[in-house]
Every structure is written in C-alpha cells, then in structure tokens.
Amino acid sequence: MSEAFSKSRAGAPPLFFDREALGLRALAAAGARVPAVREVSDEGITIDRVESGGHRTAASEEAFGRELAALHRTTGERYGSIDGEPTAYLGDCPVDLTPCDSLAESWLERRVVPLTRECVQRGQLDASSLADAERLTAEHLGPVEAPTLVHGDLWAGNRLVDERGRSWLIDPCAHYAHREVDLAMMQLFGGFSGRAFAAYTEDLPLADGWELRVPAFQSVPLLVHVLLFGGGYAVQAAEALRTAAC
C-alpha cells in the first residue's frame, strides 16, 4: 500500500478540504491520474503520496497533453459546481461556483466582475479595471461549448511527474467551465512545453481565436493573486482585463 500524505489547517474556511476531496474524486472518475483520497475532515485531508521527481520529457509532455484532452471530454449540464454547492476556493480565495446555465454568468458575473470589484474596493486596482471587467460579454469567451470538467487551478505546481514519467494532478478547483480555462492557466506561469499543447490540440482542436481569449480566462487567477498577494499581480490583472475587453 502506498504511503499517505496529510495536510491540515486549524480553523480552515467552510468546506475547504471537502471541496478538494470532491475535485480529486471527480477528476479520478473522469479518468485523470490523481492521488486517492483516504480521509477528509473540516481541518484536513489525507491522500495517497505521489513520489514525484521524475523528469519532464518530450514523451511525458505529449502524454500529458493527450490525457488533458481526454479529461476535457467529460462534460456536464451546467457551468460551475460539480455537485451544486457554490462554495469553492482558488488557492485560499473564495470563488462562487453557483451552477449557471451560461458561461458568461458563471465566469463573468459570478467571478470576474465581483473579484475585480473587491480589488478596486481594497485599492489594489483602479476603477478603470472594473469598467473593463463589466464590458466583457459572452462573445469575449468564444463559441459556446458544453460545460467541461476542468482542473480549475492548473499551474505547473499542481502537476507532479513521477519517476516513470507519468503526470499526476493535485490541488484542484474542479468544476464545469470552458476547457480553455485550464489551457490559459497553463500559460500563465509557464512549466508546460509546446509539445503538451500540440498534443492536446491534435486530439481536441480548439475553436478559432482561442489565443485572443487567453486574457479573459487568465483574469480570474490573476485577480485571485491580486487579492492574496498584491504586488505586481495588479499590473498583470489590469492588463489582462484591458486586453480581454478590447
């Protein structure tokens, strides 16, 4: 039996670890390689330990791209929460995953605009950023696609590579969204090679103009980073909103 990995947090926000466990189980059910959940409580979670430290090679990157495409073939009826519970966290930041019939409501009305407004109220962004956020519409999010199961926080640190070169996903904010949410996050902080993107698009091509939509789908993680860390993220978030709204 594999070793266990536990993490805990006294006074964790409501459902903090429950949402992580739900996401891991949902990704596993969709065929993704994730550590199994052993126990979960209000103040902690125990999962199987993944022995990472493997090297990312051309083969591992291509395999990851195809595995992500396979994951994104899992679709749902509505955008947002997997189980109807709106409470969710991107890192330590609360985000609203109330189930919605449209991507625009889920992504823009319940996340982009409220998060931008909070940044403005805290003095971290100018009012012009809120104006940019409020100009975003469904057309800025591309052609309508079925709500897709996404990892939701797919930066390089949430992908582990084991000694056999296999990729594992950890720490998800899993929900139903546009699949470009994961691809945009992968490009935000680097750590994924062009081979992964090429393999993905070979298996599951993207709609025309996807490159122009990257700022719109990077806006939520950037706004979350502004709220959690401040600093230079404000410049990046403001630029993403401005570019997305053009």
Protein backbone atom coordinates (compact mmCIF):
# COMPACT_ATOMS: atom_id res chain seq x y z
CA MET A 1 0.00 0.00 0.00
CA SER A 2 1.31 3.45 -0.88
CA GLU A 3 2.31 5.94 1.76
CA ALA A 4 -0.07 8.67 2.85
CA PHE A 5 0.28 12.42 2.64
CA SER A 6 -1.68 14.59 5.05
CA LYS A 7 -2.19 18.30 5.36
CA SER A 8 -4.18 20.19 7.93
CA ARG A 9 -5.28 23.69 8.75
CA ALA A 10 -6.85 24.67 12.05
CA GLY A 11 -9.86 26.88 11.51
CA ALA A 12 -9.99 26.20 7.77
CA PRO A 13 -12.77 28.01 5.89
CA PRO A 14 -16.05 26.13 5.45
CA LEU A 15 -15.79 23.11 3.14
CA PHE A 16 -12.17 23.95 2.31
CA PHE A 17 -10.90 20.36 2.35
CA ASP A 18 -14.24 18.88 1.35
CA ARG A 19 -14.05 20.78 -1.96
CA GLU A 20 -10.52 19.49 -2.60
CA ALA A 21 -11.63 15.92 -1.96
CA LEU A 22 -14.66 16.35 -4.21
CA GLY A 23 -12.46 17.66 -7.00
CA LEU A 24 -9.94 14.85 -6.75
CA ARG A 25 -12.70 12.25 -6.84
CA ALA A 26 -14.40 13.91 -9.80
CA LEU A 27 -11.15 14.04 -11.76
CA ALA A 28 -10.45 10.40 -10.93
CA ALA A 29 -13.92 9.38 -12.08
CA ALA A 30 -13.21 11.16 -15.39
CA GLY A 31 -10.02 9.13 -15.87
CA ALA A 32 -7.40 11.59 -14.63
CA ARG A 33 -4.42 10.34 -12.64
CA VAL A 34 -4.81 11.77 -9.15
CA PRO A 35 -3.90 10.59 -5.64
CA ALA A 36 -6.71 8.70 -3.95
CA VAL A 37 -8.49 10.43 -1.07
CA ARG A 38 -8.22 8.45 2.16
CA GLU A 39 -9.80 10.75 4.71
CA VAL A 40 -11.20 14.25 4.79
CA SER A 41 -12.40 16.41 7.67
CA ASP A 42 -13.15 20.06 8.38
CA GLU A 43 -9.49 20.67 9.21
CA GLY A 44 -7.52 18.33 6.98
CA ILE A 45 -7.21 15.81 4.19
CA THR A 46 -5.19 12.61 3.74
CA ILE A 47 -4.38 11.34 0.26
CA ASP A 48 -2.00 8.82 -1.27
CA ARG A 49 1.52 10.17 -1.54
CA VAL A 50 2.82 10.70 -5.08
CA GLU A 51 6.54 10.12 -5.38
CA SER A 52 7.41 12.97 -7.73
CA GLY A 53 10.82 13.98 -9.00
CA GLY A 54 10.64 12.49 -12.46
CA HIS A 55 11.92 14.44 -15.44
CA ARG A 56 9.57 16.09 -17.91
CA THR A 57 10.48 14.77 -21.34
CA ALA A 58 9.02 15.19 -24.81
CA ALA A 59 7.18 11.91 -24.27
CA SER A 60 5.78 12.89 -20.87
CA GLU A 61 4.65 16.29 -22.19
CA GLU A 62 2.89 14.74 -25.16
CA ALA A 63 1.22 12.16 -22.91
CA PHE A 64 0.06 14.91 -20.56
CA GLY A 65 -1.48 16.89 -23.40
CA ARG A 66 -3.44 13.86 -24.57
CA GLU A 67 -4.53 13.00 -21.03
CA LEU A 68 -5.81 16.53 -20.51
CA ALA A 69 -7.74 16.32 -23.79
CA ALA A 70 -9.29 13.06 -22.57
CA LEU A 71 -10.28 14.71 -19.28
CA HIS A 72 -11.91 17.58 -21.15
CA ARG A 73 -14.21 15.18 -22.95
CA THR A 74 -16.14 14.88 -19.69
CA THR A 75 -19.00 17.36 -19.84
CA GLY A 76 -21.90 18.41 -17.65
CA GLU A 77 -25.26 20.12 -17.87
CA ARG A 78 -24.40 23.46 -16.26
CA TYR A 79 -21.38 25.65 -15.64
CA GLY A 80 -19.99 25.86 -12.13
CA SER A 81 -20.08 23.45 -9.23
CA ILE A 82 -19.85 19.70 -9.72
CA ASP A 83 -22.42 18.93 -7.03
CA GLY A 84 -24.46 22.13 -6.79
CA GLU A 85 -22.58 23.56 -3.80
CA PRO A 86 -21.43 27.09 -4.71
CA THR A 87 -18.62 27.29 -2.15
CA ALA A 88 -15.18 26.89 -3.69
CA TYR A 89 -11.62 28.13 -3.29
CA LEU A 90 -8.94 29.05 -5.79
CA GLY A 91 -5.93 28.76 -3.56
CA ASP A 92 -7.14 30.42 -0.38
CA CYS A 93 -9.51 32.78 -2.16
CA PRO A 94 -13.26 32.07 -2.11
CA VAL A 95 -14.85 31.89 -5.55
CA ASP A 96 -18.51 31.48 -6.48
CA LEU A 97 -19.32 28.28 -8.36
CA THR A 98 -23.09 28.58 -8.25
CA PRO A 99 -24.39 26.40 -11.12
CA CYS A 100 -25.31 28.56 -14.12
CA ASP A 101 -26.87 27.97 -17.50
CA SER A 102 -24.37 30.23 -19.28
CA LEU A 103 -20.62 30.55 -19.19
CA ALA A 104 -20.93 34.34 -19.14
CA GLU A 105 -22.88 34.26 -15.90
CA SER A 106 -20.58 31.70 -14.29
CA TRP A 107 -17.26 33.21 -15.39
CA LEU A 108 -18.01 36.90 -15.73
CA GLU A 109 -20.95 37.77 -13.49
CA ARG A 110 -20.03 35.48 -10.58
CA ARG A 111 -16.24 35.65 -10.71
CA VAL A 112 -14.55 38.24 -12.93
CA VAL A 113 -16.74 41.21 -12.01
CA PRO A 114 -17.07 40.50 -8.25
CA LEU A 115 -13.35 39.76 -7.87
CA THR A 116 -12.44 42.92 -9.77
CA ARG A 117 -14.86 44.97 -7.66
CA GLU A 118 -13.25 43.61 -4.48
CA CYS A 119 -9.78 44.53 -5.77
CA VAL A 120 -11.00 48.06 -6.55
CA GLN A 121 -12.63 48.40 -3.13
CA ARG A 122 -9.35 47.40 -1.49
CA GLY A 123 -7.46 49.96 -3.54
CA GLN A 124 -5.49 47.30 -5.41
CA LEU A 125 -6.91 48.14 -8.86
CA ASP A 126 -8.22 51.32 -10.44
CA ALA A 127 -11.89 51.82 -11.25
CA SER A 128 -10.96 51.53 -14.94
CA SER A 129 -10.32 47.82 -14.38
CA LEU A 130 -13.87 47.36 -13.14
CA ALA A 131 -15.13 49.17 -16.24
CA ASP A 132 -13.09 46.76 -18.36
CA ALA A 133 -14.49 43.77 -16.48
CA GLU A 134 -18.04 44.98 -16.91
CA ARG A 135 -17.50 45.36 -20.67
CA LEU A 136 -16.78 41.65 -21.06
CA THR A 137 -19.60 39.64 -22.62
CA ALA A 138 -20.29 36.11 -23.78
CA GLU A 139 -18.70 36.98 -27.13
CA HIS A 140 -15.35 37.50 -25.41
CA LEU A 141 -15.46 33.88 -24.22
CA GLY A 142 -15.71 32.30 -27.65
CA PRO A 143 -18.12 29.88 -29.30
CA VAL A 144 -20.49 28.05 -26.97
CA GLU A 145 -19.22 24.65 -25.89
CA ALA A 146 -20.68 22.13 -23.47
CA PRO A 147 -19.63 22.74 -19.86
CA THR A 148 -16.34 20.85 -19.48
CA LEU A 149 -14.83 19.33 -16.36
CA VAL A 150 -11.66 21.31 -15.66
CA HIS A 151 -8.95 21.04 -13.04
CA GLY A 152 -9.51 24.73 -12.40
CA ASP A 153 -6.08 25.62 -10.99
CA LEU A 154 -3.74 24.02 -13.49
CA TRP A 155 -0.42 25.75 -12.90
CA ALA A 156 2.80 23.75 -13.07
CA GLY A 157 2.96 23.22 -9.30
CA ASN A 158 -0.30 21.29 -9.37
CA ARG A 159 1.06 18.75 -11.82
CA LEU A 160 3.55 16.21 -10.50
CA VAL A 161 5.66 13.89 -12.63
CA ASP A 162 6.65 10.57 -11.08
CA GLU A 163 9.79 8.54 -11.77
CA ARG A 164 8.01 6.69 -14.59
CA GLY A 165 7.28 9.99 -16.33
CA ARG A 166 3.56 9.87 -15.54
CA SER A 167 1.73 13.08 -14.71
CA TRP A 168 -0.46 13.43 -11.64
CA LEU A 169 -2.90 16.23 -10.85
CA ILE A 170 -3.23 17.64 -7.33
CA ASP A 171 -4.96 20.54 -5.52
CA PRO A 172 -7.83 21.08 -7.96
CA CYS A 173 -10.57 23.68 -8.01
CA ALA A 174 -12.52 21.27 -10.21
CA HIS A 175 -15.75 22.47 -11.78
CA TYR A 176 -17.55 22.74 -15.09
CA ALA A 177 -16.28 25.60 -17.24
CA HIS A 178 -14.79 26.27 -20.65
CA ARG A 179 -11.85 23.95 -21.32
CA GLU A 180 -9.74 26.98 -22.26
CA VAL A 181 -9.72 27.83 -18.53
CA ASP A 182 -7.13 25.09 -17.95
CA LEU A 183 -5.12 25.94 -21.05
CA ALA A 184 -4.98 29.63 -20.14
CA MET A 185 -3.82 28.81 -16.61
CA MET A 186 -1.09 26.54 -18.02
CA GLN A 187 0.27 29.53 -19.95
CA LEU A 188 0.11 31.98 -17.05
CA PHE A 189 3.16 30.88 -15.07
CA GLY A 190 4.86 28.51 -17.52
CA GLY A 191 6.08 25.00 -16.83
CA PHE A 192 4.34 23.24 -19.72
CA SER A 193 6.06 22.70 -23.04
CA GLY A 194 4.74 23.37 -26.51
CA ARG A 195 4.63 19.60 -27.01
CA ALA A 196 1.83 19.34 -24.43
CA PHE A 197 -0.26 21.99 -26.17
CA ALA A 198 0.38 20.47 -29.60
CA ALA A 199 -0.71 17.02 -28.44
CA TYR A 200 -3.79 18.48 -26.81
CA THR A 201 -4.94 20.37 -29.89
CA GLU A 202 -4.23 17.37 -32.11
CA ASP A 203 -6.61 15.28 -30.00
CA LEU A 204 -9.14 18.01 -29.21
CA PRO A 205 -8.81 21.05 -31.51
CA LEU A 206 -9.63 24.49 -30.14
CA ALA A 207 -12.08 26.92 -31.70
CA ASP A 208 -10.61 29.66 -33.88
CA GLY A 209 -9.37 32.71 -31.99
CA TRP A 210 -8.53 30.87 -28.78
CA GLU A 211 -5.27 32.83 -28.45
CA LEU A 212 -7.28 36.06 -28.20
CA ARG A 213 -9.36 34.62 -25.35
CA VAL A 214 -6.41 33.74 -23.13
CA PRO A 215 -6.51 37.07 -21.18
CA ALA A 216 -10.22 36.61 -20.43
CA PHE A 217 -9.57 33.18 -18.98
CA GLN A 218 -6.45 34.28 -17.12
CA SER A 219 -8.29 37.12 -15.44
CA VAL A 220 -9.76 35.08 -12.58
CA PRO A 221 -6.48 33.52 -11.37
CA LEU A 222 -4.75 36.88 -11.75
CA LEU A 223 -7.44 38.66 -9.73
CA VAL A 224 -7.16 35.98 -7.07
CA HIS A 225 -3.39 36.57 -6.93
CA VAL A 226 -4.01 40.29 -6.51
CA LEU A 227 -6.31 39.62 -3.56
CA LEU A 228 -3.97 37.10 -1.96
CA PHE A 229 -0.55 38.56 -2.73
CA GLY A 230 -0.93 42.06 -4.19
CA GLY A 231 2.27 43.42 -5.69
CA GLY A 232 2.92 43.14 -9.40
CA TYR A 233 -0.08 40.92 -9.96
CA ALA A 234 -2.23 44.06 -10.05
CA VAL A 235 -0.43 45.23 -13.18
CA GLN A 236 -0.90 41.84 -14.83
CA ALA A 237 -4.57 41.62 -13.88
CA ALA A 238 -5.33 45.13 -15.11
CA GLU A 239 -3.59 44.40 -18.42
CA ALA A 240 -5.46 41.11 -18.84
CA LEU A 241 -8.83 42.80 -18.29
CA ARG A 242 -7.92 45.66 -20.61
CA THR A 243 -6.76 43.29 -23.36
CA ALA A 244 -9.71 40.95 -22.94
CA ALA A 245 -12.21 43.82 -23.20
CA CYS A 246 -10.75 45.19 -26.46
